[in-house]
Amino acid sequence: MREKWQLEPVDEEKSFLEHLDELRTTLIRMVVTLLICTLGCIFFASEIMEVMRYPVNKVWDMFEKQHLPSHIDNQAWEIAKESASSLATLDTRQRELYFQNLTKTQKVLVESVVLLRGAQTLAPEKQVDFIQNAASTAEVSEIALSLYNSKAILTDGSGRGALKLMSAFQPGEAFMLSIKLSLYTGIVISFPLLLYFLLQFIIPGLHKHERKLLYKCLGIGFGLFLSGTLFCYFIVLPRVLTFFYTYSLDFGIANEWRIGYYLSFATQMILMFGLAFELPVIVMPFVKLGILTYDLMKATRRYAVVAIMVIAAIITPTPDIATLLLMAVPMYALYELCILFAWWNDRQTKSQALADIASYEKELNNTNN
């Protein structure tokens, strides 16, 4: 590889101990960089925690919306449930005063919540009759029945408390979680520098134009890593959480997820997708070195598909097929882009070779003349 990269003539082969010393220096740089980024992220641990909770909150919002009639939104339903819970602690006069401060729509929803919660305590065959006969108006009866038929979620508040995400069973668990979360965030932020230090150790002594190419590769690598993390955060993670959430409910199992387990699961998946999107950064240098060619990559495409599926199965923290495909399909698309890059590189190499031959023949003709 050193010959392929055309080291400067002044560079000499270093001894084993000198390489160890360089490795030590590189590791110290990487550790110090990661430590500084981690310490900086600790000051924003609460904001980072809210960001990490967004996917699981989105799961609940999607699940709750699926069980509401189309004309009722999540926010209005959440307020109605909170109001109905407050009514349980008030006497008759206080309830009358409370209802005076609500709009007509809010009153209908609050009464519907009270009716549905009361119907839950009755036998299934008596619930519909209770809702129809106990409703104060025909409008309340109609709304309550539509909520009953859609199996609206009656959990107090927003319903997100049903996930019990903030449960901590050890005194220092919240502190350790903030440290772990800051570390994962620090890895994402410091990734360009970590990659630069690593490549600086692996491929030393580059020409100026090769260093510029290396900087471009670093930018592309960070962009791909960030794209992978965002793709997982906004698309993959909510779908995976929704699958596990609904799958547990189908078996009658409550989703009492602990915050520690959830954060470990989410951060590992996000980082794995970020690393998986680094495939072009791994393949393209081998293309530039001439180790991989367009004809070779095209002929071995079938084997590449199998290899990508195996890698996706290994690094995916969940065993379901949907998550595996969500990781494998983008990786294969990136591999196809690498094939196109290899095709373009072969064309450039052949064009340069033809130009060099033409230039040599022209110089030879001028010499003979």
Protein backbone atom coordinates (compact mmCIF):
# COMPACT_ATOMS: atom_id res chain seq x y z
CA MET A 1 0.00 0.00 0.00
CA ARG A 2 2.92 2.36 0.69
CA GLU A 3 4.13 1.80 -2.89
CA LYS A 4 0.64 2.37 -4.22
CA TRP A 5 0.40 5.69 -2.37
CA GLN A 6 3.81 6.80 -3.76
CA LEU A 7 5.57 7.97 -0.62
CA GLU A 8 7.93 10.92 -0.77
CA PRO A 9 11.52 9.93 -1.69
CA VAL A 10 12.79 11.28 1.63
CA ASP A 11 10.57 8.86 3.60
CA GLU A 12 12.28 5.82 5.02
CA GLU A 13 10.92 2.60 6.46
CA LYS A 14 10.60 2.98 10.23
CA SER A 15 11.45 0.40 12.83
CA PHE A 16 8.88 -1.57 14.82
CA LEU A 17 9.51 0.48 17.97
CA GLU A 18 9.07 3.73 16.04
CA HIS A 19 5.71 2.48 14.76
CA LEU A 20 4.70 1.61 18.33
CA ASP A 21 5.62 5.12 19.43
CA GLU A 22 3.49 6.57 16.60
CA LEU A 23 0.64 4.29 17.60
CA ARG A 24 0.89 5.49 21.20
CA THR A 25 0.81 9.12 20.07
CA THR A 26 -2.19 8.46 17.82
CA LEU A 27 -4.12 6.72 20.59
CA ILE A 28 -3.37 9.55 23.03
CA ARG A 29 -4.67 12.10 20.51
CA MET A 30 -7.84 10.10 19.93
CA VAL A 31 -8.49 9.57 23.64
CA VAL A 32 -7.88 13.24 24.51
CA THR A 33 -10.14 14.39 21.66
CA LEU A 34 -12.91 12.03 22.71
CA LEU A 35 -12.52 13.04 26.36
CA ILE A 36 -12.82 16.76 25.57
CA CYS A 37 -15.94 16.20 23.44
CA THR A 38 -17.48 13.98 26.12
CA LEU A 39 -16.87 16.54 28.88
CA GLY A 40 -18.40 19.23 26.69
CA CYS A 41 -21.50 17.11 26.08
CA ILE A 42 -22.02 16.54 29.82
CA PHE A 43 -23.18 20.16 30.18
CA PHE A 44 -25.95 19.43 27.66
CA ALA A 45 -26.89 16.01 29.02
CA SER A 46 -30.51 16.98 29.73
CA GLU A 47 -30.99 18.33 26.20
CA ILE A 48 -29.39 15.22 24.72
CA MET A 49 -31.70 13.08 26.87
CA GLU A 50 -34.72 14.86 25.40
CA VAL A 51 -33.38 14.27 21.90
CA MET A 52 -32.97 10.55 22.62
CA ARG A 53 -36.47 10.31 24.05
CA TYR A 54 -38.00 11.77 20.89
CA PRO A 55 -38.19 8.46 18.96
CA VAL A 56 -39.95 6.59 21.76
CA ASN A 57 -42.33 9.50 22.37
CA LYS A 58 -43.06 9.48 18.66
CA VAL A 59 -43.90 5.78 18.94
CA TRP A 60 -46.48 6.52 21.60
CA ASP A 61 -47.93 9.45 19.63
CA MET A 62 -48.28 7.26 16.54
CA PHE A 63 -49.83 4.45 18.55
CA GLU A 64 -52.26 6.77 20.33
CA LYS A 65 -53.23 8.52 17.09
CA GLN A 66 -54.09 5.17 15.50
CA HIS A 67 -56.68 4.66 18.26
CA LEU A 68 -58.39 8.03 17.90
CA PRO A 69 -61.11 9.13 15.45
CA SER A 70 -59.76 11.33 12.67
CA HIS A 71 -61.47 14.48 13.99
CA ILE A 72 -59.75 14.29 17.41
CA ASP A 73 -56.07 15.17 17.71
CA ASN A 74 -53.57 13.92 20.29
CA GLN A 75 -53.21 17.19 22.18
CA ALA A 76 -56.94 17.66 22.73
CA TRP A 77 -57.23 14.05 23.87
CA GLU A 78 -54.33 14.43 26.31
CA ILE A 79 -55.89 17.55 27.84
CA ALA A 80 -59.24 15.78 28.15
CA LYS A 81 -57.71 12.85 30.00
CA GLU A 82 -55.83 15.14 32.37
CA SER A 83 -59.02 17.11 33.05
CA ALA A 84 -60.99 13.90 33.70
CA SER A 85 -58.35 12.79 36.20
CA SER A 86 -58.60 16.14 37.99
CA LEU A 87 -62.39 15.83 38.29
CA ALA A 88 -62.03 12.73 40.47
CA THR A 89 -60.69 14.84 43.36
CA LEU A 90 -63.38 17.58 43.15
CA ASP A 91 -66.82 17.79 44.75
CA THR A 92 -70.02 18.62 42.84
CA ARG A 93 -69.75 22.43 43.16
CA GLN A 94 -66.10 22.39 42.19
CA ARG A 95 -66.86 20.26 39.14
CA GLU A 96 -69.50 22.74 37.99
CA LEU A 97 -67.00 25.60 38.31
CA TYR A 98 -64.36 23.56 36.51
CA PHE A 99 -66.66 22.82 33.56
CA GLN A 100 -67.45 26.54 33.25
CA ASN A 101 -63.79 27.14 32.28
CA LEU A 102 -63.87 24.61 29.45
CA THR A 103 -65.00 25.03 25.87
CA LYS A 104 -67.89 22.99 24.50
CA THR A 105 -65.55 20.62 22.65
CA GLN A 106 -63.42 20.10 25.79
CA LYS A 107 -66.52 19.38 27.88
CA VAL A 108 -67.66 16.70 25.42
CA LEU A 109 -64.23 15.03 25.41
CA VAL A 110 -63.86 15.17 29.21
CA GLU A 111 -67.27 13.60 29.75
CA SER A 112 -66.43 10.97 27.12
CA VAL A 113 -63.28 10.05 29.04
CA VAL A 114 -65.29 9.71 32.28
CA LEU A 115 -67.87 7.50 30.55
CA LEU A 116 -65.25 5.27 28.91
CA ARG A 117 -63.32 4.80 32.15
CA GLY A 118 -66.55 3.93 33.93
CA ALA A 119 -67.50 1.48 31.17
CA GLN A 120 -64.14 -0.29 31.54
CA THR A 121 -65.21 -1.58 34.96
CA LEU A 122 -68.35 -3.25 33.57
CA ALA A 123 -68.81 -6.48 31.68
CA PRO A 124 -68.11 -6.13 27.93
CA GLU A 125 -71.73 -6.74 26.93
CA LYS A 126 -72.93 -3.88 29.17
CA GLN A 127 -70.40 -1.22 28.18
CA VAL A 128 -72.14 0.15 25.08
CA ASP A 129 -75.52 0.43 26.86
CA PHE A 130 -73.86 2.27 29.73
CA ILE A 131 -72.23 4.80 27.41
CA GLN A 132 -75.49 5.45 25.52
CA ASN A 133 -77.70 5.78 28.62
CA ALA A 134 -75.24 7.64 30.88
CA ALA A 135 -74.30 10.31 28.35
CA SER A 136 -75.79 13.75 29.09
CA THR A 137 -76.39 14.58 25.42
CA ALA A 138 -76.59 12.78 22.09
CA GLU A 139 -73.34 14.49 21.01
CA VAL A 140 -71.48 13.11 24.02
CA SER A 141 -72.91 9.64 23.34
CA GLU A 142 -71.83 9.80 19.69
CA ILE A 143 -68.26 10.97 20.49
CA ALA A 144 -67.88 8.46 23.33
CA LEU A 145 -69.04 5.58 21.12
CA SER A 146 -66.63 6.58 18.33
CA LEU A 147 -63.79 6.63 20.88
CA TYR A 148 -64.95 3.29 22.25
CA ASN A 149 -65.01 1.70 18.79
CA SER A 150 -61.54 3.03 17.95
CA LYS A 151 -60.22 1.65 21.29
CA ALA A 152 -58.90 5.02 22.44
CA ILE A 153 -56.07 4.90 25.00
CA LEU A 154 -57.32 6.02 28.41
CA THR A 155 -53.99 6.20 30.25
CA ASP A 156 -53.68 9.31 32.43
CA GLY A 157 -51.96 12.35 30.94
CA SER A 158 -50.20 11.98 27.63
CA GLY A 159 -49.92 8.24 28.00
CA ARG A 160 -46.14 8.31 27.64
CA GLY A 161 -45.83 7.48 31.33
CA ALA A 162 -47.06 3.99 30.48
CA LEU A 163 -43.62 3.29 29.01
CA LYS A 164 -41.96 4.15 32.35
CA LEU A 165 -38.90 5.43 30.56
CA MET A 166 -37.59 7.33 33.55
CA SER A 167 -37.49 4.39 35.96
CA ALA A 168 -34.11 4.14 37.70
CA PHE A 169 -33.46 1.32 40.19
CA GLN A 170 -30.05 2.43 41.45
CA PRO A 171 -28.99 5.72 43.14
CA GLY A 172 -26.28 6.50 40.59
CA GLU A 173 -28.01 5.15 37.50
CA ALA A 174 -29.14 8.55 36.19
CA PHE A 175 -25.61 9.95 36.57
CA MET A 176 -24.02 7.00 34.79
CA LEU A 177 -26.60 7.28 32.02
CA SER A 178 -25.68 10.93 31.45
CA ILE A 179 -21.99 9.95 31.23
CA LYS A 180 -22.74 7.13 28.78
CA LEU A 181 -24.99 9.36 26.68
CA SER A 182 -22.33 12.10 26.61
CA LEU A 183 -19.74 9.53 25.53
CA TYR A 184 -21.86 8.34 22.60
CA THR A 185 -22.58 11.93 21.57
CA GLY A 186 -18.88 12.74 21.86
CA ILE A 187 -18.08 9.89 19.47
CA VAL A 188 -20.45 11.33 16.86
CA ILE A 189 -19.08 14.88 17.24
CA SER A 190 -15.40 13.90 17.28
CA PHE A 191 -15.71 11.28 14.53
CA PRO A 192 -13.97 13.40 11.82
CA LEU A 193 -10.93 14.00 14.04
CA LEU A 194 -10.79 10.39 15.20
CA LEU A 195 -10.89 9.22 11.59
CA TYR A 196 -8.22 11.76 10.62
CA PHE A 197 -5.83 10.64 13.37
CA LEU A 198 -6.35 7.01 12.42
CA LEU A 199 -5.71 7.57 8.71
CA GLN A 200 -2.73 9.79 9.54
CA PHE A 201 -1.16 6.80 11.27
CA ILE A 202 -2.12 4.19 8.67
CA ILE A 203 -1.17 6.14 5.52
CA PRO A 204 1.74 8.53 6.27
CA GLY A 205 3.86 10.59 3.88
CA LEU A 206 1.29 11.56 1.28
CA HIS A 207 1.87 14.08 -1.49
CA LYS A 208 0.06 17.41 -1.28
CA HIS A 209 -2.60 16.45 -3.82
CA GLU A 210 -3.07 13.14 -1.99
CA ARG A 211 -3.52 14.98 1.31
CA LYS A 212 -6.24 17.08 -0.32
CA LEU A 213 -7.91 13.87 -1.45
CA LEU A 214 -7.65 12.53 2.10
CA TYR A 215 -9.36 15.64 3.48
CA LYS A 216 -12.17 15.20 0.96
CA CYS A 217 -12.53 11.58 2.03
CA LEU A 218 -12.75 12.72 5.66
CA GLY A 219 -15.54 15.12 4.76
CA ILE A 220 -17.38 12.46 2.79
CA GLY A 221 -16.85 9.95 5.59
CA PHE A 222 -18.30 12.28 8.21
CA GLY A 223 -21.21 13.15 5.93
CA LEU A 224 -21.99 9.47 5.41
CA PHE A 225 -21.65 8.75 9.13
CA LEU A 226 -23.99 11.61 9.97
CA SER A 227 -26.43 10.48 7.26
CA GLY A 228 -26.46 6.98 8.74
CA THR A 229 -27.14 8.22 12.25
CA LEU A 230 -29.93 10.55 11.10
CA PHE A 231 -31.46 7.84 8.91
CA CYS A 232 -31.58 5.53 11.91
CA TYR A 233 -32.83 8.22 14.30
CA PHE A 234 -35.72 9.50 12.18
CA ILE A 235 -36.71 6.42 10.14
CA VAL A 236 -35.39 3.12 11.48
CA LEU A 237 -35.54 3.56 15.26
CA PRO A 238 -39.22 4.70 15.46
CA ARG A 239 -40.28 1.77 13.26
CA VAL A 240 -38.29 -0.74 15.30
CA LEU A 241 -39.69 0.60 18.57
CA THR A 242 -43.21 0.53 17.14
CA PHE A 243 -42.75 -3.10 16.11
CA PHE A 244 -41.59 -4.17 19.58
CA TYR A 245 -44.21 -2.06 21.33
CA THR A 246 -47.17 -3.47 19.38
CA TYR A 247 -45.69 -6.98 19.39
CA SER A 248 -45.61 -6.94 23.22
CA LEU A 249 -49.18 -5.65 23.42
CA ASP A 250 -50.39 -8.45 21.17
CA PHE A 251 -49.13 -10.90 23.80
CA GLY A 252 -50.65 -8.88 26.65
CA ILE A 253 -47.23 -7.74 27.91
CA ALA A 254 -46.87 -4.21 29.32
CA ASN A 255 -44.09 -2.08 27.81
CA GLU A 256 -42.33 -0.99 31.01
CA TRP A 257 -39.05 -0.05 29.34
CA ARG A 258 -36.22 1.09 31.57
CA ILE A 259 -34.39 4.24 30.51
CA GLY A 260 -30.99 2.55 30.78
CA TYR A 261 -31.86 -0.36 28.51
CA TYR A 262 -33.61 1.92 26.04
CA LEU A 263 -30.67 4.33 25.74
CA SER A 264 -28.18 1.49 25.29
CA PHE A 265 -30.37 -0.04 22.61
CA ALA A 266 -30.99 3.25 20.78
CA THR A 267 -27.41 4.55 20.89
CA GLN A 268 -25.93 1.23 19.75
CA MET A 269 -28.33 1.06 16.83
CA ILE A 270 -27.64 4.68 15.81
CA LEU A 271 -23.86 4.18 15.94
CA MET A 272 -24.06 0.91 14.02
CA PHE A 273 -26.01 2.57 11.22
CA GLY A 274 -23.48 5.40 11.13
CA LEU A 275 -20.62 2.91 10.77
CA ALA A 276 -22.52 0.88 8.17
CA PHE A 277 -22.82 3.97 5.98
CA GLU A 278 -19.00 4.20 5.93
CA LEU A 279 -18.87 1.44 3.29
CA PRO A 280 -17.84 3.81 0.44
CA VAL A 281 -15.00 5.21 2.56
CA ILE A 282 -13.68 1.66 2.94
CA VAL A 283 -14.18 0.59 -0.68
CA MET A 284 -13.11 3.74 -2.57
CA PRO A 285 -9.47 3.80 -1.36
CA PHE A 286 -9.06 0.22 -2.62
CA VAL A 287 -10.49 1.36 -5.95
CA LYS A 288 -8.01 4.23 -6.13
CA LEU A 289 -5.18 1.85 -5.21
CA GLY A 290 -6.16 -0.47 -8.04
CA ILE A 291 -6.90 -3.38 -5.72
CA LEU A 292 -10.60 -3.28 -6.64
CA THR A 293 -11.66 -2.67 -10.24
CA TYR A 294 -14.98 -2.15 -11.95
CA ASP A 295 -14.90 -5.57 -13.66
CA LEU A 296 -14.06 -7.32 -10.38
CA MET A 297 -16.77 -5.54 -8.38
CA LYS A 298 -19.34 -6.12 -11.11
CA ALA A 299 -18.50 -9.84 -11.35
CA THR A 300 -18.66 -10.33 -7.56
CA ARG A 301 -21.87 -8.34 -6.99
CA ARG A 302 -23.78 -11.45 -5.87
CA TYR A 303 -21.14 -12.27 -3.27
CA ALA A 304 -21.22 -8.65 -2.09
CA VAL A 305 -24.98 -8.92 -1.51
CA VAL A 306 -24.47 -11.98 0.70
CA ALA A 307 -21.61 -10.29 2.56
CA ILE A 308 -23.71 -7.16 3.17
CA MET A 309 -26.60 -9.25 4.52
CA VAL A 310 -24.24 -11.11 6.87
CA ILE A 311 -22.65 -7.87 8.10
CA ALA A 312 -26.07 -6.28 8.61
CA ALA A 313 -27.23 -9.33 10.57
CA ILE A 314 -24.15 -9.15 12.81
CA ILE A 315 -24.14 -5.44 13.62
CA THR A 316 -27.93 -5.00 13.86
CA PRO A 317 -28.89 -5.13 17.57
CA THR A 318 -32.38 -6.48 16.77
CA PRO A 319 -33.14 -9.86 15.17
CA ASP A 320 -36.17 -8.88 13.07
CA ILE A 321 -36.05 -9.01 9.27
CA ALA A 322 -37.41 -5.47 8.81
CA THR A 323 -34.51 -3.86 10.68
CA LEU A 324 -31.99 -6.04 8.85
CA LEU A 325 -33.39 -4.92 5.50
CA LEU A 326 -33.45 -1.27 6.59
CA MET A 327 -29.71 -1.54 7.16
CA ALA A 328 -28.80 -3.85 4.27
CA VAL A 329 -30.66 -1.97 1.50
CA PRO A 330 -28.87 1.39 2.04
CA MET A 331 -25.54 -0.45 2.33
CA TYR A 332 -26.16 -2.17 -1.00
CA ALA A 333 -27.18 1.14 -2.59
CA LEU A 334 -23.89 2.63 -1.37
CA TYR A 335 -22.04 -0.38 -2.77
CA GLU A 336 -23.65 0.25 -6.17
CA LEU A 337 -22.40 3.82 -5.96
CA CYS A 338 -18.93 2.40 -5.31
CA ILE A 339 -19.26 0.32 -8.51
CA LEU A 340 -20.15 3.48 -10.43
CA PHE A 341 -17.13 5.19 -8.90
CA ALA A 342 -14.92 2.26 -9.95
CA TRP A 343 -16.31 2.51 -13.50
CA TRP A 344 -15.56 6.24 -13.59
CA ASN A 345 -12.08 5.67 -12.13
CA ASP A 346 -11.31 3.00 -14.77
CA ARG A 347 -12.38 5.39 -17.53
CA GLN A 348 -10.22 8.15 -16.07
CA THR A 349 -7.25 5.78 -15.79
CA LYS A 350 -7.64 4.55 -19.37
CA SER A 351 -8.06 8.09 -20.69
CA GLN A 352 -4.93 9.18 -18.83
CA ALA A 353 -3.00 6.17 -20.17
CA LEU A 354 -4.09 6.94 -23.76
CA ALA A 355 -3.12 10.57 -23.28
CA ASP A 356 0.30 9.55 -21.95
CA ILE A 357 0.83 7.19 -24.93
CA ALA A 358 -0.17 9.91 -27.37
CA SER A 359 2.16 12.36 -25.67
CA TYR A 360 5.01 9.85 -25.73
CA GLU A 361 4.47 9.09 -29.42
CA LYS A 362 4.39 12.82 -30.21
CA GLU A 363 7.67 13.38 -28.37
CA LEU A 364 9.20 10.34 -30.12
CA ASN A 365 8.16 11.68 -33.55
CA ASN A 366 9.61 15.10 -32.73
CA THR A 367 12.89 13.45 -31.68
CA ASN A 368 13.12 11.39 -34.92
CA ASN A 369 12.40 14.48 -37.00
